[in-house]
Amino acid sequence: QVQLEESGGGLVQAGDSLRLTCTPSERTFNRRAMGWFRQAPGRDREFVAAIDWKGISTLYDDSVKGRFTISRDNAENTVSLQMNNLKPEDTAIYYCAAPRFPNGLGSHRASQYSYWGQGTQVTVSS
């Protein structure tokens, strides 16, 4: 069973930074696009960022552009989400996700992802 493990969440103040990391249990995931999503209480899961398998092409939701950066280290088999200038509205459980098939450019659609982590809580106080 493939697993995606997120780490790096926590409680911070507005304006602070956090770095989330996703580590797949299989090295074959370094050939797949990866995505980050988040879900706040009472809200649907929403797209945050995605990156292609080469780490060249990225996508961001407008709400995080200029503040969040997605990157990957295929040698280390990790995908990271650097979050700067955090706001209270960024409070949510953050999930990393991977599609079923390798290659690809990444997508903002949750339906394009087959594998999901358990999530890591990010709480931003005002």
N, C-alpha and C. Protein backbone atom coordinates (compact mmCIF):
# COMPACT_ATOMS: atom_id res chain seq x y z
N GLN A 1 0.84 -1.19 0.00
CA GLN A 1 0.00 0.00 0.00
C GLN A 1 0.88 1.24 0.00
N VAL A 2 0.70 2.06 -1.02
CA VAL A 2 1.48 3.28 -1.12
C VAL A 2 1.03 4.26 -0.06
N GLN A 3 1.98 4.91 0.56
CA GLN A 3 1.66 5.92 1.56
C GLN A 3 2.36 7.23 1.25
N LEU A 4 1.68 8.31 1.55
CA LEU A 4 2.26 9.64 1.47
C LEU A 4 2.23 10.21 2.88
N GLU A 5 3.35 10.66 3.36
CA GLU A 5 3.43 11.17 4.72
C GLU A 5 3.80 12.64 4.72
N GLU A 6 2.93 13.45 5.31
CA GLU A 6 3.19 14.88 5.43
C GLU A 6 3.79 15.17 6.79
N SER A 7 4.63 16.20 6.83
CA SER A 7 5.20 16.66 8.09
C SER A 7 5.44 18.16 8.00
N GLY A 8 5.64 18.78 9.16
CA GLY A 8 6.00 20.19 9.19
C GLY A 8 4.91 21.15 9.61
N GLY A 9 3.71 20.63 9.86
CA GLY A 9 2.64 21.52 10.29
C GLY A 9 2.87 22.03 11.70
N GLY A 10 2.05 22.97 12.11
CA GLY A 10 2.18 23.50 13.46
C GLY A 10 1.33 24.73 13.68
N LEU A 11 1.54 25.35 14.83
CA LEU A 11 0.83 26.57 15.21
C LEU A 11 1.79 27.74 15.11
N VAL A 12 1.43 28.72 14.30
CA VAL A 12 2.28 29.90 14.11
C VAL A 12 1.41 31.15 14.16
N GLN A 13 2.08 32.29 14.17
CA GLN A 13 1.38 33.57 14.14
C GLN A 13 1.33 34.11 12.72
N ALA A 14 0.38 34.98 12.48
CA ALA A 14 0.27 35.61 11.17
C ALA A 14 1.60 36.27 10.81
N GLY A 15 2.02 36.06 9.56
CA GLY A 15 3.28 36.60 9.09
C GLY A 15 4.44 35.63 9.18
N ASP A 16 4.26 34.57 9.93
CA ASP A 16 5.33 33.57 10.09
C ASP A 16 5.40 32.65 8.87
N SER A 17 6.37 31.75 8.90
CA SER A 17 6.57 30.80 7.81
C SER A 17 6.55 29.37 8.34
N LEU A 18 6.19 28.45 7.47
CA LEU A 18 6.28 27.02 7.74
C LEU A 18 6.69 26.32 6.45
N ARG A 19 7.33 25.17 6.63
CA ARG A 19 7.70 24.36 5.47
C ARG A 19 7.12 22.96 5.67
N LEU A 20 6.24 22.58 4.77
CA LEU A 20 5.67 21.24 4.80
C LEU A 20 6.45 20.33 3.87
N THR A 21 6.56 19.08 4.26
CA THR A 21 7.26 18.09 3.44
C THR A 21 6.38 16.86 3.26
N CYS A 22 6.38 16.34 2.07
CA CYS A 22 5.65 15.10 1.75
C CYS A 22 6.67 14.05 1.32
N THR A 23 6.60 12.89 1.96
CA THR A 23 7.53 11.81 1.63
C THR A 23 6.73 10.57 1.23
N PRO A 24 6.77 10.20 -0.05
CA PRO A 24 6.09 8.97 -0.47
C PRO A 24 6.85 7.74 0.02
N SER A 25 6.12 6.66 0.18
CA SER A 25 6.75 5.43 0.67
C SER A 25 7.50 4.70 -0.43
N GLU A 26 7.25 5.07 -1.69
CA GLU A 26 7.92 4.43 -2.81
C GLU A 26 8.69 5.44 -3.64
N ARG A 27 9.86 5.06 -4.06
CA ARG A 27 10.70 5.98 -4.84
C ARG A 27 10.13 6.22 -6.23
N THR A 28 9.22 5.34 -6.68
CA THR A 28 8.64 5.54 -8.01
C THR A 28 7.85 6.83 -8.09
N PHE A 29 7.50 7.40 -6.95
CA PHE A 29 6.75 8.64 -6.97
C PHE A 29 7.59 9.83 -7.38
N ASN A 30 8.90 9.65 -7.49
CA ASN A 30 9.69 10.78 -7.99
C ASN A 30 9.50 10.96 -9.49
N ARG A 31 8.71 10.07 -10.12
CA ARG A 31 8.38 10.24 -11.53
C ARG A 31 6.94 10.71 -11.72
N ARG A 32 6.30 11.15 -10.66
CA ARG A 32 4.91 11.60 -10.75
C ARG A 32 4.78 13.06 -10.38
N ALA A 33 3.84 13.73 -11.02
CA ALA A 33 3.45 15.06 -10.56
C ALA A 33 2.91 14.92 -9.13
N MET A 34 2.99 15.99 -8.36
CA MET A 34 2.50 15.97 -6.99
C MET A 34 1.71 17.24 -6.73
N GLY A 35 0.78 17.15 -5.79
CA GLY A 35 -0.03 18.31 -5.46
C GLY A 35 -0.19 18.47 -3.97
N TRP A 36 -0.50 19.69 -3.56
CA TRP A 36 -0.88 20.01 -2.18
C TRP A 36 -2.30 20.57 -2.20
N PHE A 37 -3.10 20.08 -1.28
CA PHE A 37 -4.45 20.56 -1.09
C PHE A 37 -4.63 20.89 0.39
N ARG A 38 -5.70 21.60 0.71
CA ARG A 38 -5.99 21.89 2.11
C ARG A 38 -7.49 21.89 2.34
N GLN A 39 -7.85 21.63 3.58
CA GLN A 39 -9.26 21.63 3.95
C GLN A 39 -9.43 22.29 5.31
N ALA A 40 -10.17 23.38 5.31
CA ALA A 40 -10.48 24.10 6.54
C ALA A 40 -11.80 23.58 7.10
N PRO A 41 -12.04 23.75 8.40
CA PRO A 41 -13.29 23.26 8.99
C PRO A 41 -14.51 23.83 8.29
N GLY A 42 -15.44 22.95 7.93
CA GLY A 42 -16.67 23.38 7.29
C GLY A 42 -16.54 23.74 5.82
N ARG A 43 -15.36 23.49 5.25
CA ARG A 43 -15.16 23.85 3.85
C ARG A 43 -14.71 22.63 3.06
N ASP A 44 -14.89 22.70 1.75
CA ASP A 44 -14.44 21.63 0.88
C ASP A 44 -12.92 21.65 0.76
N ARG A 45 -12.37 20.51 0.39
CA ARG A 45 -10.93 20.45 0.12
C ARG A 45 -10.63 21.33 -1.09
N GLU A 46 -9.56 22.12 -1.00
CA GLU A 46 -9.23 23.02 -2.09
C GLU A 46 -7.78 22.89 -2.51
N PHE A 47 -7.54 23.18 -3.76
CA PHE A 47 -6.21 23.11 -4.34
C PHE A 47 -5.32 24.22 -3.80
N VAL A 48 -4.06 23.87 -3.57
CA VAL A 48 -3.07 24.85 -3.14
C VAL A 48 -1.98 25.02 -4.20
N ALA A 49 -1.31 23.92 -4.55
CA ALA A 49 -0.20 24.00 -5.49
C ALA A 49 0.06 22.61 -6.07
N ALA A 50 0.71 22.60 -7.24
CA ALA A 50 1.09 21.35 -7.88
C ALA A 50 2.40 21.56 -8.61
N ILE A 51 3.10 20.44 -8.84
CA ILE A 51 4.39 20.50 -9.51
C ILE A 51 4.52 19.28 -10.41
N ASP A 52 5.13 19.46 -11.57
CA ASP A 52 5.32 18.33 -12.47
C ASP A 52 6.44 17.44 -11.96
N TRP A 53 6.62 16.28 -12.58
CA TRP A 53 7.56 15.31 -12.03
C TRP A 53 9.01 15.77 -12.15
N LYS A 54 9.30 16.66 -13.09
CA LYS A 54 10.66 17.16 -13.24
C LYS A 54 10.95 18.33 -12.31
N GLY A 55 9.90 18.89 -11.72
CA GLY A 55 10.11 20.03 -10.85
C GLY A 55 10.26 21.35 -11.61
N ILE A 56 9.82 21.38 -12.86
CA ILE A 56 9.98 22.57 -13.70
C ILE A 56 8.70 23.40 -13.75
N SER A 57 7.57 22.73 -13.92
CA SER A 57 6.28 23.41 -14.07
C SER A 57 5.51 23.38 -12.76
N THR A 58 5.01 24.53 -12.35
CA THR A 58 4.24 24.63 -11.11
C THR A 58 2.92 25.34 -11.34
N LEU A 59 1.97 25.03 -10.48
CA LEU A 59 0.65 25.68 -10.49
C LEU A 59 0.33 26.13 -9.06
N TYR A 60 -0.34 27.26 -8.95
CA TYR A 60 -0.73 27.76 -7.63
C TYR A 60 -2.15 28.30 -7.67
N ASP A 61 -2.84 28.14 -6.56
CA ASP A 61 -4.10 28.84 -6.41
C ASP A 61 -3.79 30.32 -6.22
N ASP A 62 -4.68 31.16 -6.68
CA ASP A 62 -4.45 32.61 -6.58
C ASP A 62 -4.26 33.06 -5.15
N SER A 63 -4.89 32.38 -4.21
CA SER A 63 -4.84 32.81 -2.83
C SER A 63 -3.46 32.64 -2.20
N VAL A 64 -2.58 31.84 -2.82
CA VAL A 64 -1.26 31.59 -2.24
C VAL A 64 -0.13 32.07 -3.13
N LYS A 65 -0.44 32.53 -4.32
CA LYS A 65 0.61 33.00 -5.24
C LYS A 65 1.43 34.10 -4.60
N GLY A 66 2.74 33.97 -4.73
CA GLY A 66 3.64 34.96 -4.17
C GLY A 66 3.99 34.72 -2.72
N ARG A 67 3.27 33.80 -2.06
CA ARG A 67 3.56 33.49 -0.65
C ARG A 67 4.03 32.04 -0.48
N PHE A 68 3.49 31.13 -1.26
CA PHE A 68 3.83 29.72 -1.15
C PHE A 68 4.69 29.30 -2.34
N THR A 69 5.60 28.37 -2.09
CA THR A 69 6.44 27.82 -3.15
C THR A 69 6.48 26.30 -3.02
N ILE A 70 6.12 25.62 -4.10
CA ILE A 70 6.21 24.16 -4.12
C ILE A 70 7.50 23.77 -4.82
N SER A 71 8.16 22.76 -4.31
CA SER A 71 9.40 22.29 -4.90
C SER A 71 9.54 20.80 -4.62
N ARG A 72 10.50 20.18 -5.27
CA ARG A 72 10.72 18.77 -5.04
C ARG A 72 12.20 18.44 -5.16
N ASP A 73 12.58 17.40 -4.47
CA ASP A 73 13.94 16.88 -4.55
C ASP A 73 13.80 15.40 -4.88
N ASN A 74 13.92 15.07 -6.15
CA ASN A 74 13.69 13.68 -6.57
C ASN A 74 14.77 12.73 -6.05
N ALA A 75 15.95 13.24 -5.81
CA ALA A 75 17.00 12.39 -5.24
C ALA A 75 16.63 11.98 -3.82
N GLU A 76 15.99 12.89 -3.09
CA GLU A 76 15.57 12.60 -1.72
C GLU A 76 14.14 12.08 -1.66
N ASN A 77 13.46 12.07 -2.80
CA ASN A 77 12.08 11.60 -2.87
C ASN A 77 11.16 12.39 -1.95
N THR A 78 11.26 13.71 -2.00
CA THR A 78 10.41 14.56 -1.19
C THR A 78 9.82 15.69 -2.03
N VAL A 79 8.68 16.17 -1.59
CA VAL A 79 8.04 17.35 -2.17
C VAL A 79 7.74 18.30 -1.02
N SER A 80 8.07 19.56 -1.20
CA SER A 80 7.92 20.53 -0.11
C SER A 80 7.00 21.67 -0.51
N LEU A 81 6.44 22.27 0.51
CA LEU A 81 5.62 23.47 0.32
C LEU A 81 6.11 24.50 1.32
N GLN A 82 6.83 25.49 0.82
CA GLN A 82 7.30 26.59 1.66
C GLN A 82 6.21 27.63 1.74
N MET A 83 5.77 27.94 2.94
CA MET A 83 4.66 28.87 3.14
C MET A 83 5.16 30.07 3.92
N ASN A 84 5.17 31.22 3.27
CA ASN A 84 5.61 32.46 3.89
C ASN A 84 4.44 33.41 4.10
N ASN A 85 4.64 34.36 4.98
CA ASN A 85 3.61 35.37 5.24
C ASN A 85 2.24 34.71 5.47
N LEU A 86 2.22 33.76 6.35
CA LEU A 86 0.98 33.02 6.60
C LEU A 86 -0.10 33.92 7.17
N LYS A 87 -1.33 33.61 6.80
CA LYS A 87 -2.49 34.37 7.24
C LYS A 87 -3.45 33.44 7.99
N PRO A 88 -4.29 34.00 8.84
CA PRO A 88 -5.25 33.14 9.56
C PRO A 88 -6.11 32.30 8.61
N GLU A 89 -6.40 32.83 7.44
CA GLU A 89 -7.22 32.07 6.49
C GLU A 89 -6.48 30.90 5.85
N ASP A 90 -5.19 30.77 6.12
CA ASP A 90 -4.44 29.60 5.66
C ASP A 90 -4.62 28.42 6.62
N THR A 91 -5.28 28.64 7.73
CA THR A 91 -5.49 27.57 8.70
C THR A 91 -6.30 26.44 8.07
N ALA A 92 -5.75 25.24 8.11
CA ALA A 92 -6.39 24.08 7.49
C ALA A 92 -5.54 22.84 7.73
N ILE A 93 -6.09 21.71 7.36
CA ILE A 93 -5.29 20.49 7.27
C ILE A 93 -4.75 20.44 5.85
N TYR A 94 -3.46 20.25 5.73
CA TYR A 94 -2.81 20.23 4.43
C TYR A 94 -2.48 18.80 4.04
N TYR A 95 -2.83 18.46 2.80
CA TYR A 95 -2.64 17.11 2.28
C TYR A 95 -1.75 17.13 1.04
N CYS A 96 -0.86 16.18 0.94
CA CYS A 96 -0.18 16.00 -0.34
C CYS A 96 -0.86 14.87 -1.08
N ALA A 97 -0.74 14.90 -2.40
CA ALA A 97 -1.45 13.95 -3.24
C ALA A 97 -0.64 13.62 -4.48
N ALA A 98 -0.86 12.42 -5.00
CA ALA A 98 -0.15 11.98 -6.19
C ALA A 98 -1.13 11.30 -7.15
N PRO A 99 -0.91 11.44 -8.44
CA PRO A 99 -1.78 10.78 -9.42
C PRO A 99 -1.42 9.30 -9.54
N ARG A 100 -2.27 8.57 -10.22
CA ARG A 100 -2.04 7.14 -10.38
C ARG A 100 -0.87 6.84 -11.29
N PHE A 101 -0.70 7.68 -12.32
CA PHE A 101 0.29 7.37 -13.35
C PHE A 101 1.47 8.34 -13.30
N PRO A 102 2.63 7.89 -13.77
CA PRO A 102 3.81 8.75 -13.76
C PRO A 102 3.75 9.84 -14.83
N ASN A 103 4.75 10.71 -14.79
CA ASN A 103 4.87 11.85 -15.68
C ASN A 103 3.70 12.79 -15.41
N GLY A 104 3.34 13.61 -16.35
CA GLY A 104 2.24 14.54 -16.13
C GLY A 104 2.72 15.86 -15.57
N LEU A 105 1.86 16.86 -15.69
CA LEU A 105 2.21 18.22 -15.31
C LEU A 105 1.64 18.66 -13.98
N GLY A 106 0.77 17.85 -13.38
CA GLY A 106 0.11 18.29 -12.17
C GLY A 106 -1.20 18.96 -12.52
N SER A 107 -2.13 18.96 -11.57
CA SER A 107 -3.47 19.48 -11.83
C SER A 107 -4.04 20.13 -10.59
N HIS A 108 -4.97 21.07 -10.79
CA HIS A 108 -5.67 21.68 -9.66
C HIS A 108 -6.90 20.86 -9.27
N ARG A 109 -7.20 19.83 -10.05
CA ARG A 109 -8.40 19.03 -9.79
C ARG A 109 -8.09 17.86 -8.86
N ALA A 110 -8.77 17.78 -7.75
CA ALA A 110 -8.55 16.70 -6.80
C ALA A 110 -8.85 15.34 -7.43
N SER A 111 -9.76 15.31 -8.39
CA SER A 111 -10.14 14.05 -9.03
C SER A 111 -8.99 13.43 -9.83
N GLN A 112 -7.96 14.22 -10.12
CA GLN A 112 -6.82 13.72 -10.87
C GLN A 112 -5.81 12.99 -9.99
N TYR A 113 -6.04 12.99 -8.70
CA TYR A 113 -5.10 12.39 -7.76
C TYR A 113 -5.69 11.14 -7.13
N SER A 114 -4.88 10.09 -7.07
CA SER A 114 -5.36 8.81 -6.54
C SER A 114 -4.83 8.50 -5.16
N TYR A 115 -3.71 9.10 -4.79
CA TYR A 115 -3.07 8.80 -3.51
C TYR A 115 -3.04 10.05 -2.66
N TRP A 116 -3.40 9.89 -1.40
CA TRP A 116 -3.48 11.03 -0.48
C TRP A 116 -2.81 10.69 0.84
N GLY A 117 -2.17 11.69 1.42
CA GLY A 117 -1.63 11.51 2.76
C GLY A 117 -2.70 11.72 3.81
N GLN A 118 -2.32 11.56 5.06
CA GLN A 118 -3.26 11.72 6.18
C GLN A 118 -3.44 13.18 6.56
N GLY A 119 -2.55 14.02 6.12
CA GLY A 119 -2.68 15.45 6.38
C GLY A 119 -1.87 15.91 7.57
N THR A 120 -1.54 17.19 7.55
CA THR A 120 -0.85 17.83 8.67
C THR A 120 -1.54 19.16 8.96
N GLN A 121 -1.75 19.43 10.24
CA GLN A 121 -2.51 20.62 10.63
C GLN A 121 -1.63 21.85 10.62
N VAL A 122 -2.12 22.90 9.99
CA VAL A 122 -1.49 24.20 10.03
C VAL A 122 -2.49 25.18 10.65
N THR A 123 -2.08 25.82 11.72
CA THR A 123 -2.94 26.79 12.39
C THR A 123 -2.20 28.12 12.49
N VAL A 124 -2.84 29.17 11.97
CA VAL A 124 -2.24 30.49 11.97
C VAL A 124 -3.10 31.40 12.84
N SER A 125 -2.50 31.92 13.89
CA SER A 125 -3.24 32.81 14.79
C SER A 125 -3.02 34.26 14.38
N SER A 126 -4.00 35.08 14.66
CA SER A 126 -3.92 36.49 14.27
C SER A 126 -3.26 37.32 15.35
